[in-house]
């Protein structure tokens, strides 16, 4: 798995590529928490290139969302594939996370 990221207009956009699973979830979580620890409060998780997410990967997303809420920040997810969307739906995460179809919508939502 690779983790692309960019910082634009005060928003960290994170794009995981490949699989987010127990083999790499800890590393991804540490990286996201480091950005939050450095003061970043607006994040978009662009899931367009995520092929698979395990329960360990779901935990990373939940930890990031909770930490950002504690810090008065915001996390928006976008571009979930049908299979990833199904995992989020089954887990109940779609009811507690902010999920939109496209990156453009995520950026608009987070800037509002």
N, C-alpha and C. Protein backbone atom coordinates (compact mmCIF):
# COMPACT_ATOMS: atom_id res chain seq x y z
N UNK A 1 0.83 -1.18 0.00
CA UNK A 1 0.00 0.00 0.00
C UNK A 1 0.88 1.24 0.00
N UNK A 2 0.39 2.26 -0.67
CA UNK A 2 1.07 3.55 -0.61
C UNK A 2 0.05 4.59 -0.15
N UNK A 3 0.57 5.66 0.41
CA UNK A 3 -0.28 6.71 0.96
C UNK A 3 0.17 8.04 0.36
N UNK A 4 -0.58 8.52 -0.61
CA UNK A 4 -0.28 9.83 -1.18
C UNK A 4 -0.98 10.88 -0.35
N UNK A 5 -0.35 12.05 -0.24
CA UNK A 5 -1.02 13.13 0.47
C UNK A 5 -0.59 14.46 -0.11
N UNK A 6 -1.47 15.40 0.03
CA UNK A 6 -1.18 16.77 -0.38
C UNK A 6 -1.84 17.72 0.60
N UNK A 7 -1.32 18.91 0.68
CA UNK A 7 -1.87 19.92 1.58
C UNK A 7 -2.19 21.14 0.74
N UNK A 8 -3.47 21.48 0.68
CA UNK A 8 -3.89 22.61 -0.12
C UNK A 8 -5.00 23.38 0.58
N UNK A 9 -4.89 24.68 0.61
CA UNK A 9 -5.90 25.55 1.22
C UNK A 9 -6.25 25.12 2.64
N UNK A 10 -5.25 24.70 3.40
CA UNK A 10 -5.47 24.32 4.78
C UNK A 10 -6.10 22.94 4.97
N UNK A 11 -6.17 22.16 3.90
CA UNK A 11 -6.80 20.83 3.97
C UNK A 11 -5.77 19.77 3.58
N UNK A 12 -5.63 18.76 4.43
CA UNK A 12 -4.78 17.60 4.12
C UNK A 12 -5.63 16.58 3.38
N UNK A 13 -5.24 16.25 2.16
CA UNK A 13 -5.94 15.25 1.35
C UNK A 13 -5.07 13.99 1.34
N UNK A 14 -5.64 12.91 1.85
CA UNK A 14 -4.92 11.65 1.98
C UNK A 14 -5.56 10.63 1.04
N UNK A 15 -4.72 10.01 0.20
CA UNK A 15 -5.22 9.05 -0.79
C UNK A 15 -4.49 7.72 -0.63
N UNK A 16 -5.11 6.78 0.08
CA UNK A 16 -4.49 5.45 0.18
C UNK A 16 -4.67 4.68 -1.13
N UNK A 17 -3.61 3.98 -1.52
CA UNK A 17 -3.63 3.14 -2.73
C UNK A 17 -3.37 1.71 -2.32
N UNK A 18 -4.20 0.79 -2.80
CA UNK A 18 -4.00 -0.62 -2.48
C UNK A 18 -4.91 -1.08 -1.37
N UNK A 19 -4.34 -1.76 -0.39
CA UNK A 19 -5.11 -2.33 0.71
C UNK A 19 -4.72 -1.70 2.04
N UNK A 20 -5.73 -1.35 2.82
CA UNK A 20 -5.51 -0.86 4.18
C UNK A 20 -5.93 -1.97 5.12
N UNK A 21 -4.93 -2.65 5.69
CA UNK A 21 -5.21 -3.83 6.50
C UNK A 21 -4.30 -3.87 7.72
N UNK A 22 -4.32 -4.97 8.44
CA UNK A 22 -3.54 -5.07 9.68
C UNK A 22 -2.04 -4.96 9.45
N UNK A 23 -1.58 -5.22 8.25
CA UNK A 23 -0.15 -5.10 7.95
C UNK A 23 0.35 -3.66 7.91
N UNK A 24 -0.53 -2.72 7.58
CA UNK A 24 -0.08 -1.34 7.43
C UNK A 24 -0.93 -0.33 8.20
N UNK A 25 -1.97 -0.77 8.87
CA UNK A 25 -2.88 0.16 9.56
C UNK A 25 -2.16 0.99 10.62
N UNK A 26 -1.27 0.38 11.37
CA UNK A 26 -0.56 1.12 12.41
C UNK A 26 0.27 2.26 11.85
N UNK A 27 0.94 2.01 10.75
CA UNK A 27 1.76 3.04 10.11
C UNK A 27 0.89 4.18 9.59
N UNK A 28 -0.23 3.84 8.97
CA UNK A 28 -1.14 4.87 8.45
C UNK A 28 -1.72 5.69 9.60
N UNK A 29 -2.14 5.01 10.66
CA UNK A 29 -2.69 5.71 11.83
C UNK A 29 -1.67 6.67 12.41
N UNK A 30 -0.43 6.22 12.55
CA UNK A 30 0.62 7.08 13.11
C UNK A 30 0.84 8.32 12.26
N UNK A 31 0.81 8.14 10.94
CA UNK A 31 1.02 9.28 10.05
C UNK A 31 -0.13 10.29 10.16
N UNK A 32 -1.36 9.79 10.17
CA UNK A 32 -2.51 10.68 10.30
C UNK A 32 -2.50 11.40 11.65
N UNK A 33 -2.23 10.67 12.71
CA UNK A 33 -2.19 11.29 14.04
C UNK A 33 -1.06 12.30 14.16
N UNK A 34 0.03 12.08 13.45
CA UNK A 34 1.13 13.05 13.45
C UNK A 34 0.69 14.36 12.81
N UNK A 35 -0.07 14.28 11.70
CA UNK A 35 -0.57 15.51 11.08
C UNK A 35 -1.52 16.23 12.03
N UNK A 36 -2.38 15.49 12.68
CA UNK A 36 -3.30 16.11 13.64
C UNK A 36 -2.51 16.72 14.79
N UNK A 37 -1.51 16.00 15.28
CA UNK A 37 -0.66 16.51 16.35
C UNK A 37 0.09 17.77 15.97
N UNK A 38 0.36 17.92 14.67
CA UNK A 38 1.05 19.11 14.17
C UNK A 38 0.09 20.28 13.95
N UNK A 39 -1.19 20.06 14.23
CA UNK A 39 -2.15 21.16 14.16
C UNK A 39 -3.11 21.14 12.99
N UNK A 40 -3.02 20.13 12.14
CA UNK A 40 -3.95 20.07 11.02
C UNK A 40 -5.32 19.64 11.51
N UNK A 41 -6.36 20.32 11.04
CA UNK A 41 -7.71 20.08 11.54
C UNK A 41 -8.72 19.74 10.46
N UNK A 42 -8.33 19.86 9.19
CA UNK A 42 -9.24 19.55 8.09
C UNK A 42 -8.60 18.49 7.22
N UNK A 43 -9.28 17.33 7.12
CA UNK A 43 -8.74 16.22 6.34
C UNK A 43 -9.80 15.61 5.44
N UNK A 44 -9.35 15.23 4.25
CA UNK A 44 -10.17 14.48 3.32
C UNK A 44 -9.47 13.15 3.09
N UNK A 45 -10.21 12.06 3.23
CA UNK A 45 -9.71 10.74 2.86
C UNK A 45 -10.32 10.38 1.51
N UNK A 46 -9.51 10.45 0.47
CA UNK A 46 -9.96 10.12 -0.88
C UNK A 46 -9.71 8.64 -1.10
N UNK A 47 -10.77 7.85 -1.12
CA UNK A 47 -10.67 6.39 -1.16
C UNK A 47 -10.75 5.83 -2.59
N UNK A 48 -10.59 6.67 -3.59
CA UNK A 48 -10.74 6.23 -4.97
C UNK A 48 -9.84 5.05 -5.33
N UNK A 49 -8.63 5.02 -4.82
CA UNK A 49 -7.67 3.98 -5.18
C UNK A 49 -7.51 2.92 -4.11
N UNK A 50 -8.41 2.91 -3.13
CA UNK A 50 -8.36 1.89 -2.08
C UNK A 50 -9.09 0.66 -2.58
N UNK A 51 -8.38 -0.45 -2.66
CA UNK A 51 -8.95 -1.68 -3.19
C UNK A 51 -9.64 -2.51 -2.11
N UNK A 52 -9.16 -2.38 -0.87
CA UNK A 52 -9.67 -3.22 0.23
C UNK A 52 -9.41 -2.52 1.55
N UNK A 53 -10.34 -2.65 2.47
CA UNK A 53 -10.14 -2.14 3.83
C UNK A 53 -10.62 -3.20 4.81
N UNK A 54 -9.77 -3.52 5.78
CA UNK A 54 -10.10 -4.51 6.80
C UNK A 54 -10.63 -3.81 8.04
N UNK A 55 -10.96 -4.58 9.05
CA UNK A 55 -11.41 -3.98 10.31
C UNK A 55 -10.32 -3.11 10.92
N UNK A 56 -9.06 -3.48 10.73
CA UNK A 56 -7.95 -2.66 11.23
C UNK A 56 -7.93 -1.31 10.50
N UNK A 57 -8.23 -1.34 9.22
CA UNK A 57 -8.30 -0.10 8.45
C UNK A 57 -9.47 0.76 8.87
N UNK A 58 -10.61 0.12 9.14
CA UNK A 58 -11.77 0.87 9.63
C UNK A 58 -11.45 1.56 10.94
N UNK A 59 -10.69 0.87 11.79
CA UNK A 59 -10.30 1.44 13.08
C UNK A 59 -9.46 2.71 12.87
N UNK A 60 -8.57 2.71 11.89
CA UNK A 60 -7.75 3.89 11.59
C UNK A 60 -8.65 5.07 11.25
N UNK A 61 -9.64 4.84 10.41
CA UNK A 61 -10.56 5.90 10.01
C UNK A 61 -11.33 6.42 11.22
N UNK A 62 -11.81 5.50 12.06
CA UNK A 62 -12.56 5.90 13.24
C UNK A 62 -11.70 6.68 14.23
N UNK A 63 -10.47 6.24 14.45
CA UNK A 63 -9.55 6.95 15.35
C UNK A 63 -9.29 8.36 14.83
N UNK A 64 -9.05 8.49 13.53
CA UNK A 64 -8.81 9.81 12.95
C UNK A 64 -10.02 10.72 13.11
N UNK A 65 -11.21 10.18 12.83
CA UNK A 65 -12.43 10.99 12.95
C UNK A 65 -12.64 11.44 14.39
N UNK A 66 -12.45 10.54 15.35
CA UNK A 66 -12.64 10.89 16.76
C UNK A 66 -11.63 11.94 17.22
N UNK A 67 -10.37 11.75 16.82
CA UNK A 67 -9.34 12.70 17.22
C UNK A 67 -9.61 14.08 16.64
N UNK A 68 -10.02 14.12 15.38
CA UNK A 68 -10.33 15.41 14.77
C UNK A 68 -11.53 16.07 15.44
N UNK A 69 -12.54 15.29 15.79
CA UNK A 69 -13.69 15.87 16.51
C UNK A 69 -13.26 16.46 17.85
N UNK A 70 -12.40 15.75 18.55
CA UNK A 70 -11.90 16.24 19.84
C UNK A 70 -11.17 17.57 19.68
N UNK A 71 -10.50 17.71 18.56
CA UNK A 71 -9.70 18.91 18.29
C UNK A 71 -10.49 19.97 17.51
N UNK A 72 -11.80 19.78 17.43
CA UNK A 72 -12.68 20.70 16.69
C UNK A 72 -12.34 20.74 15.20
N UNK A 73 -11.91 19.59 14.68
CA UNK A 73 -11.58 19.48 13.27
C UNK A 73 -12.66 18.73 12.52
N UNK A 74 -12.33 18.34 11.29
CA UNK A 74 -13.32 17.69 10.43
C UNK A 74 -12.63 16.70 9.51
N UNK A 75 -13.27 15.54 9.33
CA UNK A 75 -12.82 14.52 8.39
C UNK A 75 -13.96 14.22 7.44
N UNK A 76 -13.67 14.24 6.13
CA UNK A 76 -14.66 13.88 5.12
C UNK A 76 -14.04 12.80 4.25
N UNK A 77 -14.79 11.73 4.00
CA UNK A 77 -14.37 10.65 3.13
C UNK A 77 -15.05 10.82 1.78
N UNK A 78 -14.34 10.41 0.72
CA UNK A 78 -14.95 10.51 -0.60
C UNK A 78 -14.48 9.38 -1.51
N UNK A 79 -15.23 9.22 -2.59
CA UNK A 79 -14.89 8.32 -3.69
C UNK A 79 -14.73 6.86 -3.26
N UNK A 80 -15.63 6.39 -2.40
CA UNK A 80 -15.59 4.98 -1.99
C UNK A 80 -16.03 4.10 -3.14
N UNK A 81 -15.28 3.04 -3.40
CA UNK A 81 -15.69 2.07 -4.41
C UNK A 81 -16.92 1.33 -3.88
N UNK A 82 -17.66 0.66 -4.74
CA UNK A 82 -18.83 -0.09 -4.26
C UNK A 82 -18.48 -1.10 -3.15
N UNK A 83 -17.35 -1.80 -3.28
CA UNK A 83 -16.99 -2.78 -2.25
C UNK A 83 -16.59 -2.11 -0.95
N UNK A 84 -15.87 -1.00 -1.02
CA UNK A 84 -15.49 -0.26 0.19
C UNK A 84 -16.72 0.36 0.82
N UNK A 85 -17.60 0.89 0.00
CA UNK A 85 -18.84 1.47 0.51
C UNK A 85 -19.63 0.41 1.29
N UNK A 86 -19.67 -0.81 0.76
CA UNK A 86 -20.39 -1.89 1.42
C UNK A 86 -19.80 -2.20 2.80
N UNK A 87 -18.47 -2.21 2.90
CA UNK A 87 -17.81 -2.46 4.19
C UNK A 87 -18.19 -1.36 5.19
N UNK A 88 -18.17 -0.11 4.74
CA UNK A 88 -18.53 1.00 5.62
C UNK A 88 -20.02 0.92 6.02
N UNK A 89 -20.84 0.51 5.07
CA UNK A 89 -22.28 0.38 5.35
C UNK A 89 -22.55 -0.73 6.36
N UNK A 90 -21.97 -1.90 6.15
CA UNK A 90 -22.17 -3.04 7.05
C UNK A 90 -21.68 -2.72 8.46
N UNK A 91 -20.57 -1.99 8.55
CA UNK A 91 -20.00 -1.65 9.85
C UNK A 91 -20.80 -0.56 10.58
N UNK A 92 -21.69 0.10 9.85
CA UNK A 92 -22.46 1.19 10.45
C UNK A 92 -21.74 2.53 10.41
N UNK A 93 -20.56 2.56 9.80
CA UNK A 93 -19.76 3.78 9.78
C UNK A 93 -20.36 4.89 8.92
N UNK A 94 -21.19 4.52 7.95
CA UNK A 94 -21.78 5.56 7.10
C UNK A 94 -22.71 6.48 7.89
N UNK A 95 -23.21 6.00 9.01
CA UNK A 95 -24.10 6.83 9.82
C UNK A 95 -23.34 7.76 10.76
N UNK A 96 -22.05 7.47 10.99
CA UNK A 96 -21.29 8.30 11.94
C UNK A 96 -20.18 9.10 11.27
N UNK A 97 -19.91 8.82 10.00
CA UNK A 97 -18.86 9.54 9.28
C UNK A 97 -19.48 10.39 8.17
N UNK A 98 -18.75 11.41 7.77
CA UNK A 98 -19.17 12.29 6.69
C UNK A 98 -18.60 11.73 5.38
N UNK A 99 -19.46 11.18 4.53
CA UNK A 99 -19.03 10.53 3.28
C UNK A 99 -19.77 11.17 2.11
N UNK A 100 -19.00 11.56 1.09
CA UNK A 100 -19.58 12.15 -0.12
C UNK A 100 -19.00 11.44 -1.35
N UNK A 101 -19.67 11.56 -2.50
CA UNK A 101 -19.23 10.81 -3.68
C UNK A 101 -17.90 11.24 -4.30
N UNK A 102 -17.59 12.54 -4.30
CA UNK A 102 -16.41 13.00 -5.04
C UNK A 102 -15.48 13.86 -4.18
N UNK A 103 -14.24 13.96 -4.65
CA UNK A 103 -13.26 14.82 -3.97
C UNK A 103 -13.73 16.27 -3.97
N UNK A 104 -14.28 16.72 -5.08
CA UNK A 104 -14.76 18.11 -5.16
C UNK A 104 -15.82 18.37 -4.09
N UNK A 105 -16.74 17.42 -3.91
CA UNK A 105 -17.77 17.59 -2.88
C UNK A 105 -17.16 17.56 -1.48
N UNK A 106 -16.15 16.73 -1.29
CA UNK A 106 -15.48 16.67 0.03
C UNK A 106 -14.81 18.00 0.34
N UNK A 107 -14.12 18.56 -0.63
CA UNK A 107 -13.45 19.85 -0.41
C UNK A 107 -14.47 20.96 -0.16
N UNK A 108 -15.58 20.94 -0.88
CA UNK A 108 -16.63 21.94 -0.67
C UNK A 108 -17.23 21.79 0.72
N UNK A 109 -17.46 20.57 1.15
CA UNK A 109 -18.07 20.31 2.46
C UNK A 109 -17.14 20.76 3.59
N UNK A 110 -15.86 20.49 3.43
CA UNK A 110 -14.93 20.79 4.50
C UNK A 110 -14.63 22.29 4.60
N UNK A 111 -14.79 23.00 3.50
CA UNK A 111 -14.53 24.44 3.52
C UNK A 111 -15.75 25.23 3.98
N UNK A 112 -16.91 24.59 3.99
CA UNK A 112 -18.15 25.29 4.35
C UNK A 112 -18.19 25.66 5.82
